[in-house]
Amino acid sequence: MADNPQPKVEMYVKWGCPYCIRAKSVFDRKGVEVTEYEIAGNEERRAEMVERAPGSRTVPQIFIDDRAIGGSDDLARIDAEGKLDELLGL
């Protein structure tokens, strides 16, 4: 019997962003792989981020299985509420 497949976790980031680093560390602690998209100097990626999360202007912007989670504070909140593990299938 196969384990549940890992959800697709994506994060739009800027190099050196402390909030991005904090969010990534949450996923690292849980052993979850994250695909990161650097938006600094990449207007195409920035536009993609805004299209996926309308009104977003800050990083990180986090998506789990194409569902917009929000930023680092949103991630910390849903983790504290015990909802993150459920979203991640843990």
PDB file of N, CA and C in Angstrom:
ATOM      1  N   MET A   1       0.842  -1.185   0.000  1.00  0.00           N
ATOM      2  CA  MET A   1       0.000   0.000   0.000  1.00  0.00           C
ATOM      3  C   MET A   1       0.883   1.243   0.000  1.00  0.00           C
ATOM      4  N   ALA A   2       0.625   2.161  -0.909  1.00  0.00           N
ATOM      5  CA  ALA A   2       1.464   3.353  -1.045  1.00  0.00           C
ATOM      6  C   ALA A   2       1.063   4.409  -0.021  1.00  0.00           C
ATOM      7  N   ASP A   3       2.067   5.164   0.423  1.00  0.00           N
ATOM      8  CA  ASP A   3       1.791   6.295   1.310  1.00  0.00           C
ATOM      9  C   ASP A   3       1.067   7.378   0.528  1.00  0.00           C
ATOM     10  N   ASN A   4       0.425   8.273   1.262  1.00  0.00           N
ATOM     11  CA  ASN A   4      -0.211   9.423   0.597  1.00  0.00           C
ATOM     12  C   ASN A   4       0.864  10.213  -0.130  1.00  0.00           C
ATOM     13  N   PRO A   5       0.579  10.629  -1.349  1.00  0.00           N
ATOM     14  CA  PRO A   5       1.571  11.441  -2.065  1.00  0.00           C
ATOM     15  C   PRO A   5       1.734  12.793  -1.373  1.00  0.00           C
ATOM     16  N   GLN A   6       2.946  13.299  -1.433  1.00  0.00           N
ATOM     17  CA  GLN A   6       3.215  14.612  -0.837  1.00  0.00           C
ATOM     18  C   GLN A   6       2.484  15.686  -1.626  1.00  0.00           C
ATOM     19  N   PRO A   7       1.862  16.633  -0.943  1.00  0.00           N
ATOM     20  CA  PRO A   7       1.183  17.711  -1.660  1.00  0.00           C
ATOM     21  C   PRO A   7       2.206  18.603  -2.370  1.00  0.00           C
ATOM     22  N   LYS A   8       1.731  19.302  -3.373  1.00  0.00           N
ATOM     23  CA  LYS A   8       2.587  20.245  -4.097  1.00  0.00           C
ATOM     24  C   LYS A   8       2.614  21.545  -3.287  1.00  0.00           C
ATOM     25  N   VAL A   9       3.800  21.897  -2.807  1.00  0.00           N
ATOM     26  CA  VAL A   9       3.970  23.124  -2.039  1.00  0.00           C
ATOM     27  C   VAL A   9       4.846  24.065  -2.856  1.00  0.00           C
ATOM     28  N   GLU A  10       4.316  25.260  -3.108  1.00  0.00           N
ATOM     29  CA  GLU A  10       5.038  26.264  -3.896  1.00  0.00           C
ATOM     30  C   GLU A  10       5.099  27.558  -3.096  1.00  0.00           C
ATOM     31  N   MET A  11       6.203  28.287  -3.291  1.00  0.00           N
ATOM     32  CA  MET A  11       6.378  29.527  -2.558  1.00  0.00           C
ATOM     33  C   MET A  11       7.106  30.543  -3.440  1.00  0.00           C
ATOM     34  N   TYR A  12       6.501  31.706  -3.579  1.00  0.00           N
ATOM     35  CA  TYR A  12       7.142  32.820  -4.278  1.00  0.00           C
ATOM     36  C   TYR A  12       7.982  33.566  -3.249  1.00  0.00           C
ATOM     37  N   VAL A  13       9.253  33.807  -3.590  1.00  0.00           N
ATOM     38  CA  VAL A  13      10.209  34.347  -2.623  1.00  0.00           C
ATOM     39  C   VAL A  13      11.072  35.442  -3.255  1.00  0.00           C
ATOM     40  N   LYS A  14      11.777  36.137  -2.381  1.00  0.00           N
ATOM     41  CA  LYS A  14      12.882  37.020  -2.768  1.00  0.00           C
ATOM     42  C   LYS A  14      14.086  36.576  -1.959  1.00  0.00           C
ATOM     43  N   TRP A  15      15.233  36.536  -2.595  1.00  0.00           N
ATOM     44  CA  TRP A  15      16.451  36.109  -1.930  1.00  0.00           C
ATOM     45  C   TRP A  15      16.692  36.971  -0.691  1.00  0.00           C
ATOM     46  N   GLY A  16      17.000  36.310   0.425  1.00  0.00           N
ATOM     47  CA  GLY A  16      17.341  37.021   1.656  1.00  0.00           C
ATOM     48  C   GLY A  16      16.148  37.478   2.471  1.00  0.00           C
ATOM     49  N   CYS A  17      14.940  37.236   2.002  1.00  0.00           N
ATOM     50  CA  CYS A  17      13.732  37.658   2.713  1.00  0.00           C
ATOM     51  C   CYS A  17      13.591  36.847   4.003  1.00  0.00           C
ATOM     52  N   PRO A  18      13.605  37.508   5.176  1.00  0.00           N
ATOM     53  CA  PRO A  18      13.521  36.751   6.430  1.00  0.00           C
ATOM     54  C   PRO A  18      12.183  36.025   6.602  1.00  0.00           C
ATOM     55  N   TYR A  19      11.114  36.569   6.059  1.00  0.00           N
ATOM     56  CA  TYR A  19       9.806  35.911   6.159  1.00  0.00           C
ATOM     57  C   TYR A  19       9.773  34.650   5.295  1.00  0.00           C
ATOM     58  N   CYS A  20      10.447  34.720   4.149  1.00  0.00           N
ATOM     59  CA  CYS A  20      10.545  33.542   3.273  1.00  0.00           C
ATOM     60  C   CYS A  20      11.346  32.449   3.962  1.00  0.00           C
ATOM     61  N   ILE A  21      12.436  32.834   4.602  1.00  0.00           N
ATOM     62  CA  ILE A  21      13.284  31.881   5.308  1.00  0.00           C
ATOM     63  C   ILE A  21      12.503  31.241   6.455  1.00  0.00           C
ATOM     64  N   ARG A  22      11.741  32.049   7.178  1.00  0.00           N
ATOM     65  CA  ARG A  22      10.934  31.530   8.293  1.00  0.00           C
ATOM     66  C   ARG A  22       9.896  30.527   7.788  1.00  0.00           C
ATOM     67  N   ALA A  23       9.217  30.867   6.687  1.00  0.00           N
ATOM     68  CA  ALA A  23       8.203  29.963   6.130  1.00  0.00           C
ATOM     69  C   ALA A  23       8.856  28.671   5.658  1.00  0.00           C
ATOM     70  N   LYS A  24       9.980  28.778   4.975  1.00  0.00           N
ATOM     71  CA  LYS A  24      10.677  27.587   4.476  1.00  0.00           C
ATOM     72  C   LYS A  24      11.083  26.683   5.627  1.00  0.00           C
ATOM     73  N   SER A  25      11.483  27.275   6.753  1.00  0.00           N
ATOM     74  CA  SER A  25      11.913  26.466   7.897  1.00  0.00           C
ATOM     75  C   SER A  25      10.755  25.646   8.470  1.00  0.00           C
ATOM     76  N   VAL A  26       9.530  26.151   8.381  1.00  0.00           N
ATOM     77  CA  VAL A  26       8.366  25.384   8.838  1.00  0.00           C
ATOM     78  C   VAL A  26       8.246  24.108   8.011  1.00  0.00           C
ATOM     79  N   PHE A  27       8.351  24.250   6.697  1.00  0.00           N
ATOM     80  CA  PHE A  27       8.250  23.080   5.823  1.00  0.00           C
ATOM     81  C   PHE A  27       9.441  22.143   6.006  1.00  0.00           C
ATOM     82  N   ASP A  28      10.632  22.709   6.209  1.00  0.00           N
ATOM     83  CA  ASP A  28      11.823  21.884   6.438  1.00  0.00           C
ATOM     84  C   ASP A  28      11.638  21.018   7.684  1.00  0.00           C
ATOM     85  N   ARG A  29      11.117  21.607   8.770  1.00  0.00           N
ATOM     86  CA  ARG A  29      10.887  20.873  10.016  1.00  0.00           C
ATOM     87  C   ARG A  29       9.917  19.710   9.809  1.00  0.00           C
ATOM     88  N   LYS A  30       8.984  19.901   8.896  1.00  0.00           N
ATOM     89  CA  LYS A  30       7.977  18.874   8.640  1.00  0.00           C
ATOM     90  C   LYS A  30       8.408  17.896   7.550  1.00  0.00           C
ATOM     91  N   GLY A  31       9.595  18.130   6.972  1.00  0.00           N
ATOM     92  CA  GLY A  31      10.115  17.231   5.950  1.00  0.00           C
ATOM     93  C   GLY A  31       9.382  17.343   4.618  1.00  0.00           C
ATOM     94  N   VAL A  32       8.871  18.537   4.332  1.00  0.00           N
ATOM     95  CA  VAL A  32       8.089  18.756   3.117  1.00  0.00           C
ATOM     96  C   VAL A  32       8.921  19.552   2.115  1.00  0.00           C
ATOM     97  N   GLU A  33       8.982  19.041   0.898  1.00  0.00           N
ATOM     98  CA  GLU A  33       9.721  19.710  -0.172  1.00  0.00           C
ATOM     99  C   GLU A  33       8.927  20.906  -0.690  1.00  0.00           C
ATOM    100  N   VAL A  34       9.630  22.001  -0.943  1.00  0.00           N
ATOM    101  CA  VAL A  34       9.007  23.232  -1.433  1.00  0.00           C
ATOM    102  C   VAL A  34       9.649  23.633  -2.752  1.00  0.00           C
ATOM    103  N   THR A  35       8.818  23.971  -3.732  1.00  0.00           N
ATOM    104  CA  THR A  35       9.318  24.551  -4.976  1.00  0.00           C
ATOM    105  C   THR A  35       9.280  26.059  -4.801  1.00  0.00           C
ATOM    106  N   GLU A  36      10.439  26.692  -4.939  1.00  0.00           N
ATOM    107  CA  GLU A  36      10.531  28.136  -4.746  1.00  0.00           C
ATOM    108  C   GLU A  36      10.651  28.847  -6.088  1.00  0.00           C
ATOM    109  N   TYR A  37       9.948  29.972  -6.188  1.00  0.00           N
ATOM    110  CA  TYR A  37      10.009  30.814  -7.381  1.00  0.00           C
ATOM    111  C   TYR A  37      10.535  32.184  -6.968  1.00  0.00           C
ATOM    112  N   GLU A  38      11.705  32.525  -7.447  1.00  0.00           N
ATOM    113  CA  GLU A  38      12.331  33.815  -7.159  1.00  0.00           C
ATOM    114  C   GLU A  38      11.657  34.887  -8.013  1.00  0.00           C
ATOM    115  N   ILE A  39      11.162  35.949  -7.365  1.00  0.00           N
ATOM    116  CA  ILE A  39      10.475  36.992  -8.132  1.00  0.00           C
ATOM    117  C   ILE A  39      11.296  38.261  -8.292  1.00  0.00           C
ATOM    118  N   ALA A  40      12.382  38.418  -7.532  1.00  0.00           N
ATOM    119  CA  ALA A  40      13.199  39.628  -7.664  1.00  0.00           C
ATOM    120  C   ALA A  40      13.776  39.692  -9.069  1.00  0.00           C
ATOM    121  N   GLY A  41      13.475  40.755  -9.780  1.00  0.00           N
ATOM    122  CA  GLY A  41      13.986  40.925 -11.130  1.00  0.00           C
ATOM    123  C   GLY A  41      13.299  40.044 -12.163  1.00  0.00           C
ATOM    124  N   ASN A  42      12.226  39.364 -11.772  1.00  0.00           N
ATOM    125  CA  ASN A  42      11.530  38.476 -12.697  1.00  0.00           C
ATOM    126  C   ASN A  42      10.053  38.891 -12.741  1.00  0.00           C
ATOM    127  N   GLU A  43       9.767  39.836 -13.611  1.00  0.00           N
ATOM    128  CA  GLU A  43       8.399  40.389 -13.693  1.00  0.00           C
ATOM    129  C   GLU A  43       7.373  39.342 -14.112  1.00  0.00           C
ATOM    130  N   GLU A  44       7.796  38.374 -14.908  1.00  0.00           N
ATOM    131  CA  GLU A  44       6.883  37.306 -15.328  1.00  0.00           C
ATOM    132  C   GLU A  44       6.429  36.478 -14.120  1.00  0.00           C
ATOM    133  N   ARG A  45       7.380  36.116 -13.266  1.00  0.00           N
ATOM    134  CA  ARG A  45       7.045  35.353 -12.047  1.00  0.00           C
ATOM    135  C   ARG A  45       6.205  36.198 -11.090  1.00  0.00           C
ATOM    136  N   ARG A  46       6.550  37.494 -10.971  1.00  0.00           N
ATOM    137  CA  ARG A  46       5.784  38.385 -10.086  1.00  0.00           C
ATOM    138  C   ARG A  46       4.338  38.477 -10.576  1.00  0.00           C
ATOM    139  N   ALA A  47       4.150  38.625 -11.871  1.00  0.00           N
ATOM    140  CA  ALA A  47       2.794  38.711 -12.439  1.00  0.00           C
ATOM    141  C   ALA A  47       2.045  37.405 -12.206  1.00  0.00           C
ATOM    142  N   GLU A  48       2.735  36.286 -12.334  1.00  0.00           N
ATOM    143  CA  GLU A  48       2.128  34.983 -12.077  1.00  0.00           C
ATOM    144  C   GLU A  48       1.660  34.896 -10.624  1.00  0.00           C
ATOM    145  N   MET A  49       2.484  35.378  -9.698  1.00  0.00           N
ATOM    146  CA  MET A  49       2.134  35.370  -8.278  1.00  0.00           C
ATOM    147  C   MET A  49       0.867  36.187  -8.026  1.00  0.00           C
ATOM    148  N   VAL A  50       0.826  37.382  -8.601  1.00  0.00           N
ATOM    149  CA  VAL A  50      -0.327  38.266  -8.403  1.00  0.00           C
ATOM    150  C   VAL A  50      -1.590  37.664  -9.020  1.00  0.00           C
ATOM    151  N   GLU A  51      -1.430  36.978 -10.144  1.00  0.00           N
ATOM    152  CA  GLU A  51      -2.583  36.331 -10.778  1.00  0.00           C
ATOM    153  C   GLU A  51      -3.112  35.194  -9.906  1.00  0.00           C
ATOM    154  N   ARG A  52      -2.200  34.442  -9.301  1.00  0.00           N
ATOM    155  CA  ARG A  52      -2.606  33.304  -8.462  1.00  0.00           C
ATOM    156  C   ARG A  52      -3.135  33.748  -7.099  1.00  0.00           C
ATOM    157  N   ALA A  53      -2.622  34.849  -6.592  1.00  0.00           N
ATOM    158  CA  ALA A  53      -3.051  35.380  -5.292  1.00  0.00           C
ATOM    159  C   ALA A  53      -3.363  36.856  -5.485  1.00  0.00           C
ATOM    160  N   PRO A  54      -4.545  37.147  -6.043  1.00  0.00           N
ATOM    161  CA  PRO A  54      -4.901  38.530  -6.366  1.00  0.00           C
ATOM    162  C   PRO A  54      -4.700  39.481  -5.181  1.00  0.00           C
ATOM    163  N   GLY A  55      -4.061  40.596  -5.490  1.00  0.00           N
ATOM    164  CA  GLY A  55      -3.794  41.599  -4.475  1.00  0.00           C
ATOM    165  C   GLY A  55      -2.493  41.386  -3.722  1.00  0.00           C
ATOM    166  N   SER A  56      -1.829  40.266  -3.967  1.00  0.00           N
ATOM    167  CA  SER A  56      -0.585  39.999  -3.251  1.00  0.00           C
ATOM    168  C   SER A  56       0.524  40.903  -3.778  1.00  0.00           C
ATOM    169  N   ARG A  57       1.281  41.441  -2.858  1.00  0.00           N
ATOM    170  CA  ARG A  57       2.411  42.295  -3.228  1.00  0.00           C
ATOM    171  C   ARG A  57       3.656  41.905  -2.453  1.00  0.00           C
ATOM    172  N   THR A  58       3.474  41.113  -1.394  1.00  0.00           N
ATOM    173  CA  THR A  58       4.599  40.765  -0.532  1.00  0.00           C
ATOM    174  C   THR A  58       4.937  39.289  -0.676  1.00  0.00           C
ATOM    175  N   VAL A  59       6.143  38.943  -0.266  1.00  0.00           N
ATOM    176  CA  VAL A  59       6.572  37.552  -0.248  1.00  0.00           C
ATOM    177  C   VAL A  59       6.827  37.154   1.200  1.00  0.00           C
ATOM    178  N   PRO A  60       6.722  35.884   1.484  1.00  0.00           N
ATOM    179  CA  PRO A  60       6.375  34.823   0.561  1.00  0.00           C
ATOM    180  C   PRO A  60       4.877  34.776   0.276  1.00  0.00           C
ATOM    181  N   GLN A  61       4.541  34.192  -0.849  1.00  0.00           N
ATOM    182  CA  GLN A  61       3.159  33.781  -1.129  1.00  0.00           C
ATOM    183  C   GLN A  61       3.228  32.272  -1.269  1.00  0.00           C
ATOM    184  N   ILE A  62       2.447  31.590  -0.446  1.00  0.00           N
ATOM    185  CA  ILE A  62       2.548  30.142  -0.316  1.00  0.00           C
ATOM    186  C   ILE A  62       1.294  29.480  -0.867  1.00  0.00           C
ATOM    187  N   PHE A  63       1.511  28.383  -1.592  1.00  0.00           N
ATOM    188  CA  PHE A  63       0.416  27.602  -2.167  1.00  0.00           C
ATOM    189  C   PHE A  63       0.622  26.137  -1.811  1.00  0.00           C
ATOM    190  N   ILE A  64      -0.443  25.489  -1.374  1.00  0.00           N
ATOM    191  CA  ILE A  64      -0.418  24.053  -1.125  1.00  0.00           C
ATOM    192  C   ILE A  64      -1.472  23.441  -2.027  1.00  0.00           C
ATOM    193  N   ASP A  65      -1.021  22.576  -2.937  1.00  0.00           N
ATOM    194  CA  ASP A  65      -1.912  21.986  -3.941  1.00  0.00           C
ATOM    195  C   ASP A  65      -2.763  23.057  -4.629  1.00  0.00           C
ATOM    196  N   ASP A  66      -2.100  24.130  -5.049  1.00  0.00           N
ATOM    197  CA  ASP A  66      -2.701  25.252  -5.783  1.00  0.00           C
ATOM    198  C   ASP A  66      -3.662  26.097  -4.952  1.00  0.00           C
ATOM    199  N   ARG A  67      -3.749  25.832  -3.669  1.00  0.00           N
ATOM    200  CA  ARG A  67      -4.589  26.650  -2.772  1.00  0.00           C
ATOM    201  C   ARG A  67      -3.718  27.747  -2.154  1.00  0.00           C
ATOM    202  N   ALA A  68      -4.146  28.990  -2.309  1.00  0.00           N
ATOM    203  CA  ALA A  68      -3.398  30.108  -1.732  1.00  0.00           C
ATOM    204  C   ALA A  68      -3.508  30.064  -0.213  1.00  0.00           C
ATOM    205  N   ILE A  69      -2.365  30.018   0.445  1.00  0.00           N
ATOM    206  CA  ILE A  69      -2.299  29.992   1.907  1.00  0.00           C
ATOM    207  C   ILE A  69      -2.071  31.393   2.448  1.00  0.00           C
ATOM    208  N   GLY A  70      -1.318  32.206   1.708  1.00  0.00           N
ATOM    209  CA  GLY A  70      -0.972  33.547   2.165  1.00  0.00           C
ATOM    210  C   GLY A  70       0.517  33.627   2.412  1.00  0.00           C
ATOM    211  N   GLY A  71       0.876  34.430   3.410  1.00  0.00           N
ATOM    212  CA  GLY A  71       2.280  34.652   3.706  1.00  0.00           C
ATOM    213  C   GLY A  71       2.762  33.889   4.923  1.00  0.00           C
ATOM    214  N   SER A  72       3.901  34.319   5.445  1.00  0.00           N
ATOM    215  CA  SER A  72       4.551  33.649   6.562  1.00  0.00           C
ATOM    216  C   SER A  72       3.680  33.668   7.820  1.00  0.00           C
ATOM    217  N   ASP A  73       3.050  34.799   8.115  1.00  0.00           N
ATOM    218  CA  ASP A  73       2.191  34.888   9.302  1.00  0.00           C
ATOM    219  C   ASP A  73       0.976  33.976   9.166  1.00  0.00           C
ATOM    220  N   ASP A  74       0.417  33.902   7.953  1.00  0.00           N
ATOM    221  CA  ASP A  74      -0.727  33.013   7.711  1.00  0.00           C
ATOM    222  C   ASP A  74      -0.318  31.560   7.917  1.00  0.00           C
ATOM    223  N   LEU A  75       0.862  31.206   7.421  1.00  0.00           N
ATOM    224  CA  LEU A  75       1.365  29.850   7.577  1.00  0.00           C
ATOM    225  C   LEU A  75       1.545  29.522   9.059  1.00  0.00           C
ATOM    226  N   ALA A  76       2.142  30.437   9.805  1.00  0.00           N
ATOM    227  CA  ALA A  76       2.352  30.219  11.239  1.00  0.00           C
ATOM    228  C   ALA A  76       1.012  30.053  11.964  1.00  0.00           C
ATOM    229  N   ARG A  77       0.023  30.837  11.575  1.00  0.00           N
ATOM    230  CA  ARG A  77      -1.298  30.761  12.215  1.00  0.00           C
ATOM    231  C   ARG A  77      -1.945  29.400  11.968  1.00  0.00           C
ATOM    232  N   ILE A  78      -1.960  28.956  10.706  1.00  0.00           N
ATOM    233  CA  ILE A  78      -2.626  27.673  10.436  1.00  0.00           C
ATOM    234  C   ILE A  78      -1.844  26.513  11.043  1.00  0.00           C
ATOM    235  N   ASP A  79      -0.530  26.675  11.188  1.00  0.00           N
ATOM    236  CA  ASP A  79       0.258  25.643  11.856  1.00  0.00           C
ATOM    237  C   ASP A  79      -0.102  25.614  13.344  1.00  0.00           C
ATOM    238  N   ALA A  80      -0.185  26.779  13.974  1.00  0.00           N
ATOM    239  CA  ALA A  80      -0.542  26.858  15.395  1.00  0.00           C
ATOM    240  C   ALA A  80      -1.948  26.318  15.656  1.00  0.00           C
ATOM    241  N   GLU A  81      -2.824  26.483  14.689  1.00  0.00           N
ATOM    242  CA  GLU A  81      -4.201  25.981  14.820  1.00  0.00           C
ATOM    243  C   GLU A  81      -4.298  24.482  14.544  1.00  0.00           C
ATOM    244  N   GLY A  82      -3.178  23.869  14.133  1.00  0.00           N
ATOM    245  CA  GLY A  82      -3.172  22.443  13.852  1.00  0.00           C
ATOM    246  C   GLY A  82      -3.707  22.068  12.496  1.00  0.00           C
ATOM    247  N   LYS A  83      -3.916  23.050  11.627  1.00  0.00           N
ATOM    248  CA  LYS A  83      -4.506  22.784  10.317  1.00  0.00           C
ATOM    249  C   LYS A  83      -3.470  22.482   9.232  1.00  0.00           C
ATOM    250  N   LEU A  84      -2.214  22.883   9.467  1.00  0.00           N
ATOM    251  CA  LEU A  84      -1.199  22.711   8.437  1.00  0.00           C
ATOM    252  C   LEU A  84      -0.911  21.239   8.175  1.00  0.00           C
ATOM    253  N   ASP A  85      -0.769  20.458   9.231  1.00  0.00           N
ATOM    254  CA  ASP A  85      -0.478  19.035   9.043  1.00  0.00           C
ATOM    255  C   ASP A  85      -1.560  18.362   8.209  1.00  0.00           C
ATOM    256  N   GLU A  86      -2.801  18.749   8.428  1.00  0.00           N
ATOM    257  CA  GLU A  86      -3.903  18.185   7.642  1.00  0.00           C
ATOM    258  C   GLU A  86      -3.748  18.544   6.162  1.00  0.00           C
ATOM    259  N   LEU A  87      -3.425  19.823   5.890  1.00  0.00           N
ATOM    260  CA  LEU A  87      -3.235  20.253   4.496  1.00  0.00           C
ATOM    261  C   LEU A  87      -2.079  19.509   3.839  1.00  0.00           C
ATOM    262  N   LEU A  88      -1.074  19.179   4.644  1.00  0.00           N
ATOM    263  CA  LEU A  88       0.116  18.510   4.127  1.00  0.00           C
ATOM    264  C   LEU A  88      -0.019  16.995   4.122  1.00  0.00           C
ATOM    265  N   GLY A  89      -1.120  16.491   4.653  1.00  0.00           N
ATOM    266  CA  GLY A  89      -1.332  15.050   4.698  1.00  0.00           C
ATOM    267  C   GLY A  89      -0.424  14.344   5.673  1.00  0.00           C
ATOM    268  N   LEU A  90      -0.048  15.061   6.739  1.00  0.00           N
ATOM    269  CA  LEU A  90       0.875  14.468   7.749  1.00  0.00           C
ATOM    270  C   LEU A  90       0.102  13.856   8.899  1.00  0.00           C
TER     271      LEU A  90
END
